[in-house]
Amino acid sequence: MLMRIAVALAATIGVSVVMSSGAQARPELVGINGDYAPGTIVVKTHERRLYLVLDKYLNPAWSPPSEVKRDKPEMPDVIPGGSPRNPMGVAAMTLAGGEYAIHGTNVPGSVGGFVSYGCIRMLNADISDLYQRVSVGTTVTVTH
């Protein structure tokens, strides 16, 4: 099961109840368990919440792509988020196709070098800042 980031909105679902004050809907970034595609709206009636699933991850687990596994077959299939062996760092934003990401790192000296299979590494403080500034769907232009 995947842990995705979602924008949760407190939502009034079902029959309205007369209340002295209106319901408040304040978006916030939260984790949501499930195998939901980005852009999916998930309504959890028992929580009285609506979730918009994004494709941004905090403390992401990492599954090496097939190219990495081919070159390094000894790598585990998954390295848990938060592990000091996890190369994704504190946050990641996947790019179209899912094979590449903009992410933090567990090796700060590797930032700016040609050390990965196409991902863009940033210092953890910098990816945390960028993560807060951009939305899913932001255009990423890569030039050579």
N, C-alpha and C. Protein backbone atom coordinates (compact mmCIF):
# COMPACT_ATOMS: atom_id res chain seq x y z
N MET A 1 0.84 -1.16 0.00
CA MET A 1 0.00 0.00 0.00
C MET A 1 0.90 1.24 0.00
N LEU A 2 0.55 2.23 -0.78
CA LEU A 2 1.35 3.44 -0.90
C LEU A 2 0.87 4.51 0.06
N MET A 3 1.81 5.33 0.52
CA MET A 3 1.45 6.51 1.30
C MET A 3 1.64 7.70 0.37
N ARG A 4 0.59 8.34 -0.01
CA ARG A 4 0.64 9.50 -0.89
C ARG A 4 0.31 10.74 -0.06
N ILE A 5 0.65 11.87 -0.62
CA ILE A 5 0.30 13.14 0.00
C ILE A 5 -1.00 13.61 -0.62
N ALA A 6 -1.88 14.12 0.19
CA ALA A 6 -3.17 14.59 -0.30
C ALA A 6 -3.50 15.92 0.34
N VAL A 7 -4.30 16.70 -0.35
CA VAL A 7 -4.87 17.88 0.24
C VAL A 7 -6.20 17.45 0.81
N ALA A 8 -6.36 17.60 2.11
CA ALA A 8 -7.60 17.17 2.75
C ALA A 8 -8.47 18.39 3.00
N LEU A 9 -9.72 18.28 2.66
CA LEU A 9 -10.67 19.34 2.94
C LEU A 9 -11.73 18.77 3.86
N ALA A 10 -11.94 19.44 4.98
CA ALA A 10 -13.05 19.04 5.83
C ALA A 10 -14.31 19.26 5.00
N ALA A 11 -15.09 18.26 4.82
CA ALA A 11 -16.24 18.37 3.93
C ALA A 11 -17.50 17.93 4.63
N THR A 12 -18.57 18.62 4.36
CA THR A 12 -19.87 18.20 4.86
C THR A 12 -20.44 17.27 3.81
N ILE A 13 -20.66 16.03 4.20
CA ILE A 13 -21.12 15.00 3.28
C ILE A 13 -22.48 14.50 3.75
N GLY A 14 -23.38 14.33 2.81
CA GLY A 14 -24.69 13.79 3.17
C GLY A 14 -25.68 14.89 3.52
N VAL A 15 -26.64 14.55 4.39
CA VAL A 15 -27.71 15.46 4.74
C VAL A 15 -27.18 16.60 5.59
N SER A 16 -27.59 17.83 5.27
CA SER A 16 -27.14 18.96 6.09
C SER A 16 -27.89 18.97 7.41
N VAL A 17 -27.18 19.47 8.38
CA VAL A 17 -27.74 19.60 9.71
C VAL A 17 -27.73 21.09 10.02
N VAL A 18 -28.83 21.58 10.59
CA VAL A 18 -28.88 22.99 10.94
C VAL A 18 -27.89 23.24 12.07
N MET A 19 -26.98 24.17 11.81
CA MET A 19 -25.96 24.48 12.80
C MET A 19 -25.91 25.99 12.99
N SER A 20 -25.42 26.42 14.14
CA SER A 20 -25.34 27.85 14.38
C SER A 20 -24.23 28.50 13.58
N SER A 21 -23.19 27.75 13.22
CA SER A 21 -22.14 28.31 12.37
C SER A 21 -21.89 27.36 11.22
N GLY A 22 -21.44 27.92 10.10
CA GLY A 22 -21.18 27.11 8.91
C GLY A 22 -19.95 26.23 9.08
N ALA A 23 -19.89 25.19 8.28
CA ALA A 23 -18.74 24.29 8.30
C ALA A 23 -17.52 25.02 7.75
N GLN A 24 -16.37 24.70 8.28
CA GLN A 24 -15.12 25.30 7.83
C GLN A 24 -14.35 24.27 7.01
N ALA A 25 -13.92 24.66 5.83
CA ALA A 25 -13.09 23.78 4.98
C ALA A 25 -11.74 24.45 4.80
N ARG A 26 -10.72 23.86 5.42
CA ARG A 26 -9.38 24.41 5.32
C ARG A 26 -8.46 23.35 4.74
N PRO A 27 -7.87 23.62 3.57
CA PRO A 27 -6.97 22.62 3.00
C PRO A 27 -5.69 22.48 3.81
N GLU A 28 -5.20 21.26 3.89
CA GLU A 28 -3.92 20.99 4.54
C GLU A 28 -3.30 19.78 3.87
N LEU A 29 -1.95 19.69 3.86
CA LEU A 29 -1.27 18.52 3.32
C LEU A 29 -1.24 17.44 4.38
N VAL A 30 -1.70 16.25 4.02
CA VAL A 30 -1.72 15.12 4.94
C VAL A 30 -1.33 13.87 4.17
N GLY A 31 -0.99 12.80 4.88
CA GLY A 31 -0.73 11.51 4.24
C GLY A 31 -2.03 10.75 4.09
N ILE A 32 -2.13 9.94 3.07
CA ILE A 32 -3.29 9.08 2.88
C ILE A 32 -2.79 7.73 2.39
N ASN A 33 -3.27 6.65 3.01
CA ASN A 33 -2.88 5.31 2.60
C ASN A 33 -3.79 4.84 1.48
N GLY A 34 -3.23 4.17 0.53
CA GLY A 34 -4.02 3.62 -0.56
C GLY A 34 -3.28 3.74 -1.87
N ASP A 35 -3.73 3.01 -2.84
CA ASP A 35 -3.10 3.00 -4.16
C ASP A 35 -3.92 3.88 -5.09
N TYR A 36 -3.95 5.19 -4.79
CA TYR A 36 -4.72 6.14 -5.56
C TYR A 36 -3.82 6.90 -6.52
N ALA A 37 -4.25 7.09 -7.75
CA ALA A 37 -3.49 7.85 -8.74
C ALA A 37 -3.57 9.34 -8.44
N PRO A 38 -2.52 10.09 -8.78
CA PRO A 38 -2.57 11.55 -8.61
C PRO A 38 -3.78 12.12 -9.35
N GLY A 39 -4.41 13.10 -8.76
CA GLY A 39 -5.61 13.70 -9.34
C GLY A 39 -6.89 13.04 -8.88
N THR A 40 -6.80 11.90 -8.19
CA THR A 40 -7.97 11.19 -7.69
C THR A 40 -8.57 11.95 -6.51
N ILE A 41 -9.88 12.03 -6.47
CA ILE A 41 -10.58 12.58 -5.31
C ILE A 41 -11.10 11.39 -4.52
N VAL A 42 -10.76 11.34 -3.25
CA VAL A 42 -11.19 10.25 -2.37
C VAL A 42 -12.06 10.86 -1.29
N VAL A 43 -13.27 10.36 -1.14
CA VAL A 43 -14.18 10.82 -0.09
C VAL A 43 -14.26 9.71 0.94
N LYS A 44 -13.92 10.02 2.18
CA LYS A 44 -14.02 9.06 3.27
C LYS A 44 -15.15 9.53 4.18
N THR A 45 -16.32 8.92 3.99
CA THR A 45 -17.51 9.39 4.70
C THR A 45 -17.37 9.25 6.20
N HIS A 46 -16.71 8.19 6.69
CA HIS A 46 -16.58 8.01 8.13
C HIS A 46 -15.67 9.07 8.75
N GLU A 47 -14.80 9.70 7.95
CA GLU A 47 -13.95 10.77 8.45
C GLU A 47 -14.57 12.15 8.18
N ARG A 48 -15.60 12.18 7.34
CA ARG A 48 -16.21 13.44 6.90
C ARG A 48 -15.16 14.30 6.21
N ARG A 49 -14.32 13.67 5.35
CA ARG A 49 -13.24 14.38 4.67
C ARG A 49 -13.20 14.01 3.20
N LEU A 50 -12.69 14.95 2.42
CA LEU A 50 -12.45 14.76 1.00
C LEU A 50 -10.95 14.97 0.79
N TYR A 51 -10.33 14.06 0.01
CA TYR A 51 -8.91 14.13 -0.26
C TYR A 51 -8.67 14.28 -1.76
N LEU A 52 -7.78 15.17 -2.14
CA LEU A 52 -7.29 15.28 -3.52
C LEU A 52 -5.87 14.73 -3.48
N VAL A 53 -5.64 13.62 -4.18
CA VAL A 53 -4.34 12.95 -4.12
C VAL A 53 -3.35 13.65 -5.03
N LEU A 54 -2.19 13.98 -4.46
CA LEU A 54 -1.11 14.64 -5.18
C LEU A 54 0.00 13.64 -5.44
N ASP A 55 0.97 14.03 -6.23
CA ASP A 55 2.11 13.15 -6.51
C ASP A 55 3.37 13.78 -5.96
N LYS A 56 3.32 14.08 -4.67
CA LYS A 56 4.46 14.61 -3.93
C LYS A 56 4.58 13.76 -2.69
N TYR A 57 5.77 13.49 -2.25
CA TYR A 57 5.97 12.56 -1.15
C TYR A 57 6.88 13.15 -0.09
N LEU A 58 6.52 12.98 1.17
CA LEU A 58 7.40 13.32 2.29
C LEU A 58 8.01 12.03 2.80
N ASN A 59 9.30 12.04 3.09
CA ASN A 59 10.02 10.84 3.54
C ASN A 59 9.64 9.62 2.71
N PRO A 60 9.84 9.71 1.39
CA PRO A 60 9.38 8.64 0.51
C PRO A 60 10.22 7.37 0.63
N ALA A 61 9.54 6.24 0.55
CA ALA A 61 10.25 4.97 0.37
C ALA A 61 10.79 5.00 -1.07
N TRP A 62 11.81 4.20 -1.34
CA TRP A 62 12.38 4.18 -2.68
C TRP A 62 12.49 2.77 -3.19
N SER A 63 11.96 2.55 -4.39
CA SER A 63 12.11 1.28 -5.09
C SER A 63 13.01 1.55 -6.29
N PRO A 64 14.19 0.95 -6.32
CA PRO A 64 15.09 1.21 -7.44
C PRO A 64 14.45 0.85 -8.77
N PRO A 65 14.54 1.75 -9.77
CA PRO A 65 14.02 1.43 -11.10
C PRO A 65 14.78 0.25 -11.71
N SER A 66 14.22 -0.33 -12.75
CA SER A 66 14.81 -1.52 -13.37
C SER A 66 16.25 -1.27 -13.83
N GLU A 67 16.55 -0.08 -14.33
CA GLU A 67 17.91 0.24 -14.78
C GLU A 67 18.91 0.16 -13.62
N VAL A 68 18.50 0.64 -12.45
CA VAL A 68 19.36 0.59 -11.27
C VAL A 68 19.52 -0.86 -10.81
N LYS A 69 18.41 -1.60 -10.77
CA LYS A 69 18.46 -3.01 -10.34
C LYS A 69 19.34 -3.84 -11.27
N ARG A 70 19.31 -3.51 -12.56
CA ARG A 70 20.16 -4.24 -13.52
C ARG A 70 21.64 -4.00 -13.19
N ASP A 71 21.99 -2.75 -12.90
CA ASP A 71 23.39 -2.41 -12.61
C ASP A 71 23.81 -2.80 -11.20
N LYS A 72 22.86 -2.84 -10.28
CA LYS A 72 23.16 -3.14 -8.88
C LYS A 72 22.15 -4.15 -8.34
N PRO A 73 22.25 -5.40 -8.78
CA PRO A 73 21.24 -6.40 -8.41
C PRO A 73 21.17 -6.70 -6.92
N GLU A 74 22.19 -6.33 -6.17
CA GLU A 74 22.19 -6.58 -4.73
C GLU A 74 21.29 -5.61 -3.96
N MET A 75 20.81 -4.55 -4.62
CA MET A 75 19.96 -3.57 -3.94
C MET A 75 18.64 -4.21 -3.54
N PRO A 76 18.14 -3.83 -2.36
CA PRO A 76 16.81 -4.34 -1.97
C PRO A 76 15.73 -3.79 -2.89
N ASP A 77 14.59 -4.44 -2.90
CA ASP A 77 13.48 -3.98 -3.75
C ASP A 77 12.90 -2.67 -3.26
N VAL A 78 12.96 -2.43 -1.94
CA VAL A 78 12.42 -1.19 -1.36
C VAL A 78 13.34 -0.76 -0.22
N ILE A 79 13.64 0.53 -0.18
CA ILE A 79 14.36 1.11 0.96
C ILE A 79 13.35 2.04 1.64
N PRO A 80 13.00 1.78 2.90
CA PRO A 80 11.96 2.57 3.57
C PRO A 80 12.31 4.05 3.68
N GLY A 81 11.28 4.88 3.67
CA GLY A 81 11.45 6.31 3.90
C GLY A 81 12.06 6.54 5.27
N GLY A 82 12.95 7.51 5.37
CA GLY A 82 13.60 7.81 6.63
C GLY A 82 14.84 6.99 6.90
N SER A 83 15.08 5.94 6.10
CA SER A 83 16.28 5.13 6.27
C SER A 83 17.50 5.94 5.83
N PRO A 84 18.62 5.84 6.56
CA PRO A 84 19.82 6.56 6.13
C PRO A 84 20.36 6.03 4.79
N ARG A 85 19.90 4.85 4.34
CA ARG A 85 20.31 4.30 3.05
C ARG A 85 19.42 4.75 1.90
N ASN A 86 18.34 5.47 2.21
CA ASN A 86 17.39 5.90 1.19
C ASN A 86 17.92 7.14 0.47
N PRO A 87 18.16 7.06 -0.85
CA PRO A 87 18.71 8.19 -1.58
C PRO A 87 17.72 9.31 -1.88
N MET A 88 16.46 9.15 -1.53
CA MET A 88 15.45 10.17 -1.87
C MET A 88 15.43 11.35 -0.91
N GLY A 89 16.04 11.23 0.25
CA GLY A 89 16.02 12.33 1.20
C GLY A 89 14.65 12.54 1.81
N VAL A 90 14.36 13.78 2.19
CA VAL A 90 13.16 14.08 2.97
C VAL A 90 11.90 14.28 2.13
N ALA A 91 12.04 14.52 0.82
CA ALA A 91 10.86 14.77 -0.01
C ALA A 91 11.19 14.45 -1.47
N ALA A 92 10.16 14.15 -2.24
CA ALA A 92 10.34 13.87 -3.66
C ALA A 92 9.11 14.31 -4.43
N MET A 93 9.35 14.74 -5.66
CA MET A 93 8.27 15.08 -6.58
C MET A 93 8.56 14.31 -7.86
N THR A 94 7.70 13.36 -8.20
CA THR A 94 7.95 12.56 -9.39
C THR A 94 7.56 13.34 -10.64
N LEU A 95 8.28 13.07 -11.71
CA LEU A 95 8.00 13.71 -12.99
C LEU A 95 7.19 12.75 -13.85
N ALA A 96 6.60 13.25 -14.92
CA ALA A 96 5.76 12.44 -15.79
C ALA A 96 6.44 11.13 -16.14
N GLY A 97 5.73 10.05 -16.05
CA GLY A 97 6.27 8.73 -16.33
C GLY A 97 6.71 8.00 -15.08
N GLY A 98 7.03 8.74 -14.02
CA GLY A 98 7.35 8.14 -12.74
C GLY A 98 8.76 7.60 -12.57
N GLU A 99 9.57 7.57 -13.61
CA GLU A 99 10.92 7.03 -13.50
C GLU A 99 11.91 8.06 -12.93
N TYR A 100 11.62 9.33 -13.06
CA TYR A 100 12.53 10.38 -12.61
C TYR A 100 11.85 11.26 -11.58
N ALA A 101 12.67 11.87 -10.72
CA ALA A 101 12.11 12.71 -9.66
C ALA A 101 13.07 13.85 -9.33
N ILE A 102 12.53 14.87 -8.75
CA ILE A 102 13.31 15.91 -8.09
C ILE A 102 13.22 15.55 -6.62
N HIS A 103 14.37 15.35 -5.96
CA HIS A 103 14.30 14.84 -4.60
C HIS A 103 15.50 15.29 -3.77
N GLY A 104 15.37 15.07 -2.46
CA GLY A 104 16.47 15.32 -1.54
C GLY A 104 17.51 14.23 -1.67
N THR A 105 18.42 14.16 -0.71
CA THR A 105 19.46 13.14 -0.78
C THR A 105 19.97 12.78 0.60
N ASN A 106 20.50 11.57 0.70
CA ASN A 106 21.16 11.14 1.93
C ASN A 106 22.67 11.36 1.84
N VAL A 107 23.14 11.92 0.71
CA VAL A 107 24.56 12.20 0.49
C VAL A 107 24.68 13.63 -0.02
N PRO A 108 24.72 14.63 0.88
CA PRO A 108 24.73 16.03 0.45
C PRO A 108 25.85 16.37 -0.55
N GLY A 109 26.99 15.72 -0.47
CA GLY A 109 28.09 16.00 -1.39
C GLY A 109 27.80 15.58 -2.82
N SER A 110 26.73 14.83 -3.05
CA SER A 110 26.40 14.37 -4.40
C SER A 110 25.57 15.39 -5.19
N VAL A 111 25.06 16.41 -4.53
CA VAL A 111 24.22 17.41 -5.20
C VAL A 111 25.06 18.14 -6.26
N GLY A 112 24.50 18.23 -7.46
CA GLY A 112 25.18 18.93 -8.55
C GLY A 112 26.08 18.05 -9.39
N GLY A 113 26.21 16.78 -9.04
CA GLY A 113 27.05 15.88 -9.81
C GLY A 113 26.21 14.94 -10.67
N PHE A 114 26.86 14.28 -11.60
CA PHE A 114 26.19 13.26 -12.42
C PHE A 114 26.33 11.93 -11.70
N VAL A 115 25.52 11.74 -10.67
CA VAL A 115 25.66 10.58 -9.80
C VAL A 115 24.42 9.69 -9.78
N SER A 116 23.38 10.06 -10.50
CA SER A 116 22.15 9.26 -10.46
C SER A 116 21.77 8.85 -11.87
N TYR A 117 20.62 8.28 -11.99
CA TYR A 117 20.11 7.80 -13.28
C TYR A 117 19.15 8.80 -13.90
N GLY A 118 19.38 10.06 -13.69
CA GLY A 118 18.56 11.09 -14.32
C GLY A 118 17.76 11.95 -13.36
N CYS A 119 17.71 11.57 -12.09
CA CYS A 119 16.97 12.38 -11.12
C CYS A 119 17.74 13.66 -10.81
N ILE A 120 17.05 14.62 -10.29
CA ILE A 120 17.64 15.89 -9.88
C ILE A 120 17.71 15.88 -8.37
N ARG A 121 18.92 15.89 -7.82
CA ARG A 121 19.12 15.88 -6.37
C ARG A 121 19.25 17.29 -5.85
N MET A 122 18.66 17.52 -4.68
CA MET A 122 18.77 18.80 -3.99
C MET A 122 19.11 18.54 -2.53
N LEU A 123 19.67 19.54 -1.88
CA LEU A 123 19.85 19.43 -0.44
C LEU A 123 18.48 19.29 0.21
N ASN A 124 18.39 18.56 1.31
CA ASN A 124 17.09 18.32 1.95
C ASN A 124 16.38 19.62 2.31
N ALA A 125 17.11 20.63 2.80
CA ALA A 125 16.47 21.91 3.13
C ALA A 125 15.90 22.57 1.87
N ASP A 126 16.59 22.43 0.75
CA ASP A 126 16.13 23.06 -0.49
C ASP A 126 14.92 22.34 -1.09
N ILE A 127 14.90 20.99 -1.05
CA ILE A 127 13.74 20.28 -1.57
C ILE A 127 12.53 20.52 -0.68
N SER A 128 12.76 20.66 0.63
CA SER A 128 11.64 20.97 1.54
C SER A 128 11.03 22.32 1.19
N ASP A 129 11.87 23.31 0.88
CA ASP A 129 11.38 24.63 0.50
C ASP A 129 10.64 24.57 -0.84
N LEU A 130 11.23 23.91 -1.84
CA LEU A 130 10.59 23.79 -3.15
C LEU A 130 9.26 23.06 -3.04
N TYR A 131 9.23 22.00 -2.24
CA TYR A 131 8.03 21.19 -2.04
C TYR A 131 6.85 22.06 -1.59
N GLN A 132 7.14 23.02 -0.71
CA GLN A 132 6.09 23.91 -0.20
C GLN A 132 5.64 24.93 -1.24
N ARG A 133 6.50 25.26 -2.19
CA ARG A 133 6.23 26.33 -3.16
C ARG A 133 5.50 25.89 -4.41
N VAL A 134 5.59 24.62 -4.80
CA VAL A 134 5.02 24.19 -6.08
C VAL A 134 3.85 23.24 -5.87
N SER A 135 3.03 23.16 -6.90
CA SER A 135 1.87 22.26 -6.89
C SER A 135 2.10 21.13 -7.87
N VAL A 136 1.35 20.07 -7.70
CA VAL A 136 1.33 19.00 -8.70
C VAL A 136 0.85 19.61 -10.00
N GLY A 137 1.49 19.27 -11.08
CA GLY A 137 1.14 19.82 -12.39
C GLY A 137 2.02 20.97 -12.81
N THR A 138 2.91 21.44 -11.91
CA THR A 138 3.82 22.51 -12.27
C THR A 138 4.68 22.03 -13.43
N THR A 139 4.85 22.88 -14.44
CA THR A 139 5.67 22.52 -15.59
C THR A 139 7.14 22.48 -15.16
N VAL A 140 7.82 21.42 -15.56
CA VAL A 140 9.25 21.28 -15.34
C VAL A 140 9.89 21.25 -16.72
N THR A 141 10.80 22.17 -16.98
CA THR A 141 11.50 22.22 -18.25
C THR A 141 12.94 21.80 -18.01
N VAL A 142 13.38 20.79 -18.71
CA VAL A 142 14.76 20.30 -18.59
C VAL A 142 15.45 20.61 -19.92
N THR A 143 16.59 21.30 -19.83
CA THR A 143 17.36 21.61 -21.05
C THR A 143 18.72 20.96 -20.96
N HIS A 144 19.36 20.79 -22.09
CA HIS A 144 20.67 20.14 -22.12
C HIS A 144 21.68 21.09 -22.71
